[in-house]
Amino acid sequence: MVPSASSLSPLHLAAVSISEADYVALNFRLWRARPRTRLNHWILGAAVGLLALKVGLEVYQNGQFPSSSSLILLAVAVLYALLRFGLVRYQLRRGYARNTAAHQPTDFTLTDTEISGRNTLGQFSGKWGLIRRAVWVQPDWLLLYPTETACYYLNMRCLQAPATPAMVAQLLTQHHIAQHRV
């Protein structure tokens, strides 16, 4: 049985920070999990597969590699597929470099009424009603989204005992915040 989140409020996460490697890994995982990204990967994979089939049939029929545009298109498609992952990771590293708040260790406090944080850049607080959704990125991260494009990165390894991630999840449920796992 999980103790009630409200019985142990406030919940504290001390000195939460995110490294560039974690930031890139988390956001890359989120990008890959998006339905539009999966659809694009499927379409790209189908296109590469069809082009490869076409080139394979031309080789089978003629006994040599074709000199047609099919081979060039296949090479471009494969190159694009490979470079796409690198480009996304590059853009995420640039995003991390610009996000100076992510570089600062932040102390978070989760209470029955609000989430608040404090670091060397300042402090903030907001009512739970401002949080649109929560995404659990296993094994250790919870991302809380007050907007569609910005989030608070909470490292559950920084959660101070006796609090547990299950208690945080219960607090989110108590405030009717949609939770997803990636």
C-alpha atoms as a PDB file:
ATOM      1  CA  MET A   1       0.000   0.000   0.000  1.00  0.00           C
ATOM      2  CA  VAL A   2       1.311   3.424  -0.995  1.00  0.00           C
ATOM      3  CA  PRO A   3       1.033   6.141   1.651  1.00  0.00           C
ATOM      4  CA  SER A   4      -1.109   9.071   0.668  1.00  0.00           C
ATOM      5  CA  ALA A   5       0.791  11.828  -1.134  1.00  0.00           C
ATOM      6  CA  SER A   6      -0.983  14.431   0.951  1.00  0.00           C
ATOM      7  CA  SER A   7       0.045  12.742   4.214  1.00  0.00           C
ATOM      8  CA  LEU A   8       3.719  13.288   3.383  1.00  0.00           C
ATOM      9  CA  SER A   9       3.473  16.599   1.576  1.00  0.00           C
ATOM     10  CA  PRO A  10       5.480  18.459   0.729  1.00  0.00           C
ATOM     11  CA  LEU A  11       7.589  16.168  -1.428  1.00  0.00           C
ATOM     12  CA  HIS A  12      11.118  17.431  -2.091  1.00  0.00           C
ATOM     13  CA  LEU A  13      13.508  16.814  -4.947  1.00  0.00           C
ATOM     14  CA  ALA A  14      16.920  18.262  -4.143  1.00  0.00           C
ATOM     15  CA  ALA A  15      19.453  19.598  -6.636  1.00  0.00           C
ATOM     16  CA  VAL A  16      17.756  18.255  -9.745  1.00  0.00           C
ATOM     17  CA  SER A  17      19.854  18.845 -12.836  1.00  0.00           C
ATOM     18  CA  ILE A  18      19.966  17.272 -16.251  1.00  0.00           C
ATOM     19  CA  SER A  19      23.114  16.581 -18.206  1.00  0.00           C
ATOM     20  CA  GLU A  20      23.340  17.142 -21.941  1.00  0.00           C
ATOM     21  CA  ALA A  21      23.462  13.385 -22.495  1.00  0.00           C
ATOM     22  CA  ASP A  22      20.307  12.807 -20.434  1.00  0.00           C
ATOM     23  CA  TYR A  23      18.531  15.750 -22.087  1.00  0.00           C
ATOM     24  CA  VAL A  24      19.316  14.429 -25.571  1.00  0.00           C
ATOM     25  CA  ALA A  25      18.427  10.832 -24.658  1.00  0.00           C
ATOM     26  CA  LEU A  26      15.106  11.788 -23.028  1.00  0.00           C
ATOM     27  CA  ASN A  27      13.990  14.114 -25.777  1.00  0.00           C
ATOM     28  CA  PHE A  28      15.143  11.766 -28.541  1.00  0.00           C
ATOM     29  CA  ARG A  29      13.091   9.010 -26.927  1.00  0.00           C
ATOM     30  CA  LEU A  30      10.060  11.328 -26.767  1.00  0.00           C
ATOM     31  CA  TRP A  31      10.571  12.329 -30.417  1.00  0.00           C
ATOM     32  CA  ARG A  32      10.708   8.685 -31.522  1.00  0.00           C
ATOM     33  CA  ALA A  33       7.538   7.877 -29.545  1.00  0.00           C
ATOM     34  CA  ARG A  34       5.447  10.589 -31.205  1.00  0.00           C
ATOM     35  CA  PRO A  35       2.781   9.196 -33.563  1.00  0.00           C
ATOM     36  CA  ARG A  36       3.839  11.526 -36.398  1.00  0.00           C
ATOM     37  CA  THR A  37       7.470  10.451 -36.077  1.00  0.00           C
ATOM     38  CA  ARG A  38       6.496   6.771 -36.112  1.00  0.00           C
ATOM     39  CA  LEU A  39       4.343   7.386 -39.200  1.00  0.00           C
ATOM     40  CA  ASN A  40       7.225   9.185 -40.929  1.00  0.00           C
ATOM     41  CA  HIS A  41       9.573   6.309 -40.075  1.00  0.00           C
ATOM     42  CA  TRP A  42       7.099   3.812 -41.483  1.00  0.00           C
ATOM     43  CA  ILE A  43       6.678   5.815 -44.708  1.00  0.00           C
ATOM     44  CA  LEU A  44      10.435   6.278 -45.085  1.00  0.00           C
ATOM     45  CA  GLY A  45      11.028   2.572 -44.409  1.00  0.00           C
ATOM     46  CA  ALA A  46       8.384   1.592 -46.966  1.00  0.00           C
ATOM     47  CA  ALA A  47       9.898   3.930 -49.556  1.00  0.00           C
ATOM     48  CA  VAL A  48      13.414   2.589 -48.968  1.00  0.00           C
ATOM     49  CA  GLY A  49      12.071  -0.967 -49.109  1.00  0.00           C
ATOM     50  CA  LEU A  50      10.243  -0.353 -52.396  1.00  0.00           C
ATOM     51  CA  LEU A  51      13.291   1.330 -53.929  1.00  0.00           C
ATOM     52  CA  ALA A  52      15.485  -1.563 -52.781  1.00  0.00           C
ATOM     53  CA  LEU A  53      13.007  -4.016 -54.279  1.00  0.00           C
ATOM     54  CA  LYS A  54      13.038  -2.104 -57.568  1.00  0.00           C
ATOM     55  CA  VAL A  55      16.847  -2.068 -57.668  1.00  0.00           C
ATOM     56  CA  GLY A  56      16.904  -5.758 -56.736  1.00  0.00           C
ATOM     57  CA  LEU A  57      14.503  -6.612 -59.557  1.00  0.00           C
ATOM     58  CA  GLU A  58      16.591  -4.615 -62.038  1.00  0.00           C
ATOM     59  CA  VAL A  59      19.720  -6.470 -60.907  1.00  0.00           C
ATOM     60  CA  TYR A  60      17.918  -9.809 -61.165  1.00  0.00           C
ATOM     61  CA  GLN A  61      16.572  -9.047 -64.661  1.00  0.00           C
ATOM     62  CA  ASN A  62      19.761  -7.533 -66.081  1.00  0.00           C
ATOM     63  CA  GLY A  63      22.439  -9.319 -64.068  1.00  0.00           C
ATOM     64  CA  GLN A  64      24.146  -6.034 -63.123  1.00  0.00           C
ATOM     65  CA  PHE A  65      23.524  -2.908 -61.082  1.00  0.00           C
ATOM     66  CA  PRO A  66      21.273  -0.481 -62.923  1.00  0.00           C
ATOM     67  CA  SER A  67      22.633   2.778 -64.183  1.00  0.00           C
ATOM     68  CA  SER A  68      19.211   4.343 -63.682  1.00  0.00           C
ATOM     69  CA  SER A  69      18.068   6.864 -61.163  1.00  0.00           C
ATOM     70  CA  SER A  70      16.684   4.084 -58.936  1.00  0.00           C
ATOM     71  CA  LEU A  71      20.100   3.404 -57.440  1.00  0.00           C
ATOM     72  CA  ILE A  72      20.693   7.116 -56.838  1.00  0.00           C
ATOM     73  CA  LEU A  73      17.260   7.513 -55.229  1.00  0.00           C
ATOM     74  CA  LEU A  74      17.908   4.501 -53.005  1.00  0.00           C
ATOM     75  CA  ALA A  75      21.264   5.892 -51.902  1.00  0.00           C
ATOM     76  CA  VAL A  76      19.736   9.305 -51.159  1.00  0.00           C
ATOM     77  CA  ALA A  77      16.871   7.724 -49.189  1.00  0.00           C
ATOM     78  CA  VAL A  78      19.234   5.613 -47.081  1.00  0.00           C
ATOM     79  CA  LEU A  79      21.534   8.583 -46.488  1.00  0.00           C
ATOM     80  CA  TYR A  80      18.576  10.763 -45.460  1.00  0.00           C
ATOM     81  CA  ALA A  81      17.329   8.100 -43.048  1.00  0.00           C
ATOM     82  CA  LEU A  82      20.756   7.897 -41.412  1.00  0.00           C
ATOM     83  CA  LEU A  83      21.350  11.642 -41.296  1.00  0.00           C
ATOM     84  CA  ARG A  84      17.879  12.345 -39.912  1.00  0.00           C
ATOM     85  CA  PHE A  85      18.710  10.746 -36.554  1.00  0.00           C
ATOM     86  CA  GLY A  86      21.982  12.661 -36.361  1.00  0.00           C
ATOM     87  CA  LEU A  87      20.269  15.938 -37.224  1.00  0.00           C
ATOM     88  CA  VAL A  88      17.660  15.472 -34.498  1.00  0.00           C
ATOM     89  CA  ARG A  89      20.372  14.727 -31.922  1.00  0.00           C
ATOM     90  CA  TYR A  90      22.333  17.782 -33.086  1.00  0.00           C
ATOM     91  CA  GLN A  91      19.250  19.997 -32.706  1.00  0.00           C
ATOM     92  CA  LEU A  92      18.601  18.606 -29.230  1.00  0.00           C
ATOM     93  CA  ARG A  93      22.195  19.377 -28.165  1.00  0.00           C
ATOM     94  CA  ARG A  94      21.742  22.938 -29.452  1.00  0.00           C
ATOM     95  CA  GLY A  95      18.462  23.209 -27.539  1.00  0.00           C
ATOM     96  CA  TYR A  96      20.184  22.084 -24.345  1.00  0.00           C
ATOM     97  CA  ALA A  97      22.967  24.638 -24.809  1.00  0.00           C
ATOM     98  CA  ARG A  98      20.371  27.426 -25.121  1.00  0.00           C
ATOM     99  CA  ASN A  99      18.357  26.261 -22.102  1.00  0.00           C
ATOM    100  CA  THR A 100      20.439  27.795 -19.307  1.00  0.00           C
ATOM    101  CA  ALA A 101      17.823  26.906 -16.686  1.00  0.00           C
ATOM    102  CA  ALA A 102      18.444  23.205 -17.373  1.00  0.00           C
ATOM    103  CA  HIS A 103      22.106  23.633 -16.406  1.00  0.00           C
ATOM    104  CA  GLN A 104      21.247  24.869 -12.908  1.00  0.00           C
ATOM    105  CA  PRO A 105      20.551  22.432 -10.076  1.00  0.00           C
ATOM    106  CA  THR A 106      16.981  23.124  -8.977  1.00  0.00           C
ATOM    107  CA  ASP A 107      15.270  22.222  -5.727  1.00  0.00           C
ATOM    108  CA  PHE A 108      11.641  21.260  -6.396  1.00  0.00           C
ATOM    109  CA  THR A 109       8.856  21.112  -3.827  1.00  0.00           C
ATOM    110  CA  LEU A 110       5.573  19.383  -4.601  1.00  0.00           C
ATOM    111  CA  THR A 111       2.702  20.223  -2.257  1.00  0.00           C
ATOM    112  CA  ASP A 112      -1.016  19.503  -2.291  1.00  0.00           C
ATOM    113  CA  THR A 113      -1.615  22.820  -4.065  1.00  0.00           C
ATOM    114  CA  GLU A 114       1.438  23.633  -6.177  1.00  0.00           C
ATOM    115  CA  ILE A 115       4.812  22.830  -7.639  1.00  0.00           C
ATOM    116  CA  SER A 116       7.634  25.218  -6.842  1.00  0.00           C
ATOM    117  CA  GLY A 117      11.313  25.391  -7.637  1.00  0.00           C
ATOM    118  CA  ARG A 118      14.356  27.369  -6.672  1.00  0.00           C
ATOM    119  CA  ASN A 119      17.809  27.674  -8.202  1.00  0.00           C
ATOM    120  CA  THR A 120      20.516  30.300  -8.648  1.00  0.00           C
ATOM    121  CA  LEU A 121      18.495  31.981 -11.411  1.00  0.00           C
ATOM    122  CA  GLY A 122      15.482  32.533  -9.161  1.00  0.00           C
ATOM    123  CA  GLN A 123      12.348  30.797  -8.046  1.00  0.00           C
ATOM    124  CA  PHE A 124       8.969  29.873  -9.465  1.00  0.00           C
ATOM    125  CA  SER A 125       5.725  28.331  -8.356  1.00  0.00           C
ATOM    126  CA  GLY A 126       2.516  27.321 -10.030  1.00  0.00           C
ATOM    127  CA  LYS A 127      -0.753  25.676  -9.135  1.00  0.00           C
ATOM    128  CA  TRP A 128      -1.245  22.086 -10.237  1.00  0.00           C
ATOM    129  CA  GLY A 129      -4.046  23.220 -12.539  1.00  0.00           C
ATOM    130  CA  LEU A 130      -1.400  24.804 -14.779  1.00  0.00           C
ATOM    131  CA  ILE A 131       0.227  21.429 -15.490  1.00  0.00           C
ATOM    132  CA  ARG A 132      -1.290  20.048 -18.705  1.00  0.00           C
ATOM    133  CA  ARG A 133       0.281  16.602 -18.655  1.00  0.00           C
ATOM    134  CA  ALA A 134       2.974  14.457 -17.101  1.00  0.00           C
ATOM    135  CA  VAL A 135       5.259  12.057 -18.950  1.00  0.00           C
ATOM    136  CA  TRP A 136       7.172   9.347 -17.136  1.00  0.00           C
ATOM    137  CA  VAL A 137      10.340   8.528 -19.070  1.00  0.00           C
ATOM    138  CA  GLN A 138      11.703   5.378 -17.546  1.00  0.00           C
ATOM    139  CA  PRO A 139      13.488   4.641 -15.466  1.00  0.00           C
ATOM    140  CA  ASP A 140      14.067   7.867 -13.552  1.00  0.00           C
ATOM    141  CA  TRP A 141      12.498  10.939 -15.124  1.00  0.00           C
ATOM    142  CA  LEU A 142       9.155  12.733 -14.833  1.00  0.00           C
ATOM    143  CA  LEU A 143       8.463  15.609 -17.202  1.00  0.00           C
ATOM    144  CA  LEU A 144       5.726  18.045 -16.158  1.00  0.00           C
ATOM    145  CA  TYR A 145       4.342  20.207 -18.977  1.00  0.00           C
ATOM    146  CA  PRO A 146       2.787  23.581 -18.089  1.00  0.00           C
ATOM    147  CA  THR A 147       2.773  24.271 -21.871  1.00  0.00           C
ATOM    148  CA  GLU A 148       2.999  22.024 -24.909  1.00  0.00           C
ATOM    149  CA  THR A 149       6.620  22.944 -25.608  1.00  0.00           C
ATOM    150  CA  ALA A 150       8.203  23.439 -22.171  1.00  0.00           C
ATOM    151  CA  CYS A 151       8.522  21.144 -19.191  1.00  0.00           C
ATOM    152  CA  TYR A 152      10.051  20.700 -15.784  1.00  0.00           C
ATOM    153  CA  TYR A 153      12.533  17.818 -15.701  1.00  0.00           C
ATOM    154  CA  LEU A 154      12.185  15.963 -12.396  1.00  0.00           C
ATOM    155  CA  ASN A 155      14.765  13.284 -11.688  1.00  0.00           C
ATOM    156  CA  MET A 156      13.100  10.772  -9.365  1.00  0.00           C
ATOM    157  CA  ARG A 157      16.543   9.743  -8.065  1.00  0.00           C
ATOM    158  CA  CYS A 158      16.608  13.155  -6.347  1.00  0.00           C
ATOM    159  CA  LEU A 159      13.331  12.517  -4.524  1.00  0.00           C
ATOM    160  CA  GLN A 160      14.038  12.712  -0.809  1.00  0.00           C
ATOM    161  CA  ALA A 161      12.964   9.802   1.380  1.00  0.00           C
ATOM    162  CA  PRO A 162      10.495   8.758   2.563  1.00  0.00           C
ATOM    163  CA  ALA A 163       8.816  10.002  -0.624  1.00  0.00           C
ATOM    164  CA  THR A 164       8.556   7.612  -3.576  1.00  0.00           C
ATOM    165  CA  PRO A 165       7.754   7.998  -7.284  1.00  0.00           C
ATOM    166  CA  ALA A 166       4.446   6.229  -6.572  1.00  0.00           C
ATOM    167  CA  MET A 167       3.550   9.046  -4.185  1.00  0.00           C
ATOM    168  CA  VAL A 168       4.317  11.610  -6.884  1.00  0.00           C
ATOM    169  CA  ALA A 169       2.117   9.668  -9.312  1.00  0.00           C
ATOM    170  CA  GLN A 170      -0.662   9.634  -6.716  1.00  0.00           C
ATOM    171  CA  LEU A 171      -0.337  13.411  -6.281  1.00  0.00           C
ATOM    172  CA  LEU A 172      -0.668  13.870 -10.047  1.00  0.00           C
ATOM    173  CA  THR A 173      -3.707  11.585 -10.116  1.00  0.00           C
ATOM    174  CA  GLN A 174      -5.231  13.541  -7.239  1.00  0.00           C
ATOM    175  CA  HIS A 175      -4.993  16.687  -9.401  1.00  0.00           C
ATOM    176  CA  HIS A 176      -6.356  14.922 -12.520  1.00  0.00           C
ATOM    177  CA  ILE A 177      -3.156  15.411 -14.496  1.00  0.00           C
ATOM    178  CA  ALA A 178      -2.899  13.052 -17.461  1.00  0.00           C
ATOM    179  CA  GLN A 179       0.090  10.727 -17.077  1.00  0.00           C
ATOM    180  CA  HIS A 180       1.797   8.834 -19.890  1.00  0.00           C
ATOM    181  CA  ARG A 181       4.746   6.460 -19.909  1.00  0.00           C
ATOM    182  CA  VAL A 182       7.395   6.438 -22.627  1.00  0.00           C
END
